[in-house]
C-alpha atoms as a PDB file:
ATOM      1  CA  MET A   1      88.537  98.355  75.906  1.00  0.00           C
ATOM      2  CA  PHE A   2      87.089 101.512  74.998  1.00  0.00           C
ATOM      3  CA  GLU A   3      83.490  99.843  75.026  1.00  0.00           C
ATOM      4  CA  ALA A   4      84.461  98.439  78.306  1.00  0.00           C
ATOM      5  CA  ALA A   5      85.017 101.751  79.489  1.00  0.00           C
ATOM      6  CA  GLU A   6      82.595 103.046  78.842  1.00  0.00           C
ATOM      7  CA  ARG A   7      80.057 100.506  80.047  1.00  0.00           C
ATOM      8  CA  LEU A   8      81.979 100.546  83.131  1.00  0.00           C
ATOM      9  CA  ALA A   9      81.665 104.472  83.361  1.00  0.00           C
ATOM     10  CA  LYS A  10      78.463 103.958  82.787  1.00  0.00           C
ATOM     11  CA  ARG A  11      77.509 101.695  86.072  1.00  0.00           C
ATOM     12  CA  LEU A  12      80.002 104.009  87.970  1.00  0.00           C
ATOM     13  CA  GLY A  13      78.246 106.842  87.242  1.00  0.00           C
ATOM     14  CA  ARG A  14      81.078 108.951  86.103  1.00  0.00           C
ATOM     15  CA  SER A  15      82.020 110.370  82.173  1.00  0.00           C
ATOM     16  CA  ARG A  16      84.849 108.148  80.233  1.00  0.00           C
ATOM     17  CA  SER A  17      86.959 111.418  81.436  1.00  0.00           C
ATOM     18  CA  GLU A  18      86.742 111.043  84.671  1.00  0.00           C
ATOM     19  CA  LEU A  19      87.292 106.879  84.401  1.00  0.00           C
ATOM     20  CA  TYR A  20      90.224 107.432  82.648  1.00  0.00           C
ATOM     21  CA  THR A  21      91.689 110.150  84.892  1.00  0.00           C
ATOM     22  CA  ALA A  22      91.183 107.684  88.049  1.00  0.00           C
ATOM     23  CA  ALA A  23      92.651 104.984  86.078  1.00  0.00           C
ATOM     24  CA  ILE A  24      95.769 106.991  85.102  1.00  0.00           C
ATOM     25  CA  CYS A  25      95.783 108.327  89.126  1.00  0.00           C
ATOM     26  CA  GLU A  26      95.910 104.273  90.028  1.00  0.00           C
ATOM     27  CA  TYR A  27      98.435 103.882  87.606  1.00  0.00           C
ATOM     28  CA  LEU A  28     100.903 106.010  88.200  1.00  0.00           C
ATOM     29  CA  ASP A  29     100.330 105.877  92.009  1.00  0.00           C
ATOM     30  CA  GLY A  30     101.539 102.213  91.693  1.00  0.00           C
ATOM     31  CA  HIS A  31     104.961 103.347  90.051  1.00  0.00           C
ATOM     32  CA  ARG A  32     105.579 105.993  92.601  1.00  0.00           C
ATOM     33  CA  ASP A  33     105.456 103.429  94.761  1.00  0.00           C
ATOM     34  CA  ALA A  34     107.927 100.780  92.792  1.00  0.00           C
ATOM     35  CA  ALA A  35     110.429 103.513  92.980  1.00  0.00           C
ATOM     36  CA  VAL A  36     110.260 103.732  96.602  1.00  0.00           C
ATOM     37  CA  THR A  37     110.989  99.673  96.773  1.00  0.00           C
ATOM     38  CA  VAL A  38     113.748 100.483  93.904  1.00  0.00           C
ATOM     39  CA  ARG A  39     115.512 103.026  96.060  1.00  0.00           C
ATOM     40  CA  LEU A  40     115.207 101.242  99.512  1.00  0.00           C
ATOM     41  CA  ASP A  41     116.098  98.428  98.006  1.00  0.00           C
ATOM     42  CA  GLY A  42     119.846  99.853  97.091  1.00  0.00           C
ATOM     43  CA  ILE A  43     119.559 101.334 100.192  1.00  0.00           C
ATOM     44  CA  TYR A  44     119.613  98.271 102.272  1.00  0.00           C
ATOM     45  CA  ALA A  45     121.022  95.878  99.726  1.00  0.00           C
ATOM     46  CA  THR A  46     124.883  97.315 100.293  1.00  0.00           C
ATOM     47  CA  ALA A  47     126.701  95.358 103.849  1.00  0.00           C
ATOM     48  CA  PRO A  48     125.664  96.907 106.985  1.00  0.00           C
ATOM     49  CA  ASP A  49     129.249  99.168 107.365  1.00  0.00           C
ATOM     50  CA  GLU A  50     128.912 100.114 103.936  1.00  0.00           C
ATOM     51  CA  SER A  51     125.363 101.569 104.601  1.00  0.00           C
ATOM     52  CA  ASP A  52     124.123 105.091 104.534  1.00  0.00           C
ATOM     53  CA  VAL A  53     121.726 104.183 107.324  1.00  0.00           C
ATOM     54  CA  ASP A  54     122.607 104.666 110.911  1.00  0.00           C
ATOM     55  CA  GLY A  55     124.038 101.901 112.563  1.00  0.00           C
ATOM     56  CA  LEU A  56     121.386 102.104 115.393  1.00  0.00           C
ATOM     57  CA  LEU A  57     118.697 102.684 113.586  1.00  0.00           C
ATOM     58  CA  MET A  58     119.599 100.039 111.284  1.00  0.00           C
ATOM     59  CA  ASP A  59     119.530  97.756 114.755  1.00  0.00           C
ATOM     60  CA  LEU A  60     116.176  98.915 115.774  1.00  0.00           C
ATOM     61  CA  GLN A  61     114.449  98.476 112.526  1.00  0.00           C
ATOM     62  CA  ILE A  62     115.905  95.017 112.681  1.00  0.00           C
ATOM     63  CA  ARG A  63     114.440  94.220 116.329  1.00  0.00           C
ATOM     64  CA  SER A  64     111.113  95.870 115.247  1.00  0.00           C
ATOM     65  CA  LEU A  65     110.282  93.296 112.246  1.00  0.00           C
ATOM     66  CA  ALA A  66     110.599  90.249 114.884  1.00  0.00           C
ATOM     67  CA  LYS A  67     107.485  91.585 116.484  1.00  0.00           C
ATOM     68  CA  ASN A  68     105.164  91.975 113.085  1.00  0.00           C
ATOM     69  CA  ALA A  69     103.882  88.708 111.773  1.00  0.00           C
ATOM     70  CA  TRP A  70     104.673  88.657 108.142  1.00  0.00           C
END
């Protein structure tokens, strides 16, 4: 792993330290997104009448999803 990182750093014209810093930043960003997803799943997992989300806001969000091609 160390040698592969060394080769990649050299190919990118970066120091090994810069490469590791960039990799850690990307890893942390990915986990930050996962934490947001977990929190949102917790909000939307409850029954609509038990949710902390305003009913009108939830209706608008649901209607907006129908317009998007998922």
